[in-house]
């Protein structure tokens, strides 16, 4: 999903914070990107091998 899809939820989250108006829009966009998984460090966003991939039944 794109971060724009998370803007309504980010608005709900950020509106509870005590922020000045000048920072509100940037905070909503940053929160939406965080919720969408954008901007994460590459090491966190890497694909992890499944622990079940080596199991044999």
Protein backbone atom coordinates (compact mmCIF):
# COMPACT_ATOMS: atom_id res chain seq x y z
CA UNK A 1 0.00 0.00 0.00
CA UNK A 2 1.02 3.57 -0.54
CA UNK A 3 1.50 5.92 2.35
CA UNK A 4 -1.44 7.99 1.13
CA UNK A 5 -3.73 5.10 2.11
CA UNK A 6 -2.66 5.58 5.74
CA UNK A 7 -3.31 9.33 5.95
CA UNK A 8 -6.76 9.00 7.62
CA UNK A 9 -5.30 6.79 10.36
CA UNK A 10 -2.27 9.05 10.68
CA UNK A 11 -4.60 12.05 11.08
CA UNK A 12 -6.33 10.31 13.97
CA UNK A 13 -3.03 9.46 15.60
CA UNK A 14 -1.31 12.81 15.15
CA UNK A 15 -4.37 14.85 16.13
CA UNK A 16 -3.96 13.48 19.67
CA UNK A 17 -0.45 14.93 19.89
CA UNK A 18 0.19 18.43 21.17
CA UNK A 19 1.87 19.88 18.07
CA UNK A 20 1.97 23.40 16.71
CA UNK A 21 0.06 23.90 13.45
CA UNK A 22 3.31 24.47 11.57
CA UNK A 23 4.44 20.88 12.34
CA UNK A 24 1.09 19.09 11.98
CA UNK A 25 1.18 18.36 8.23
CA UNK A 26 4.76 17.07 8.31
CA UNK A 27 3.94 14.88 11.30
CA UNK A 28 0.87 13.39 9.57
CA UNK A 29 2.90 12.57 6.46
CA UNK A 30 5.74 11.11 8.50
CA UNK A 31 3.31 8.98 10.53
CA UNK A 32 1.56 7.74 7.37
CA UNK A 33 4.91 6.77 5.85
CA UNK A 34 5.88 4.97 9.03
CA UNK A 35 2.57 3.08 9.06
CA UNK A 36 3.14 2.09 5.42
CA UNK A 37 6.64 0.83 6.20
CA UNK A 38 8.41 3.48 4.15
CA UNK A 39 11.60 5.03 5.37
CA UNK A 40 12.63 2.09 7.49
CA UNK A 41 16.26 1.20 7.72
CA UNK A 42 17.30 -1.30 5.04
CA UNK A 43 18.35 -3.93 7.57
CA UNK A 44 14.82 -3.99 9.02
CA UNK A 45 13.10 -4.06 5.65
CA UNK A 46 15.07 -7.06 4.34
CA UNK A 47 13.37 -10.32 3.68
CA UNK A 48 13.85 -12.77 6.51
CA UNK A 49 14.02 -16.47 5.76
CA UNK A 50 11.20 -18.47 7.23
CA UNK A 51 12.21 -20.65 10.19
CA UNK A 52 9.86 -23.27 8.77
CA UNK A 53 11.62 -23.47 5.40
CA UNK A 54 14.05 -26.12 6.63
CA UNK A 55 11.51 -28.25 8.49
CA UNK A 56 10.85 -31.67 7.04
CA UNK A 57 7.67 -33.54 7.70
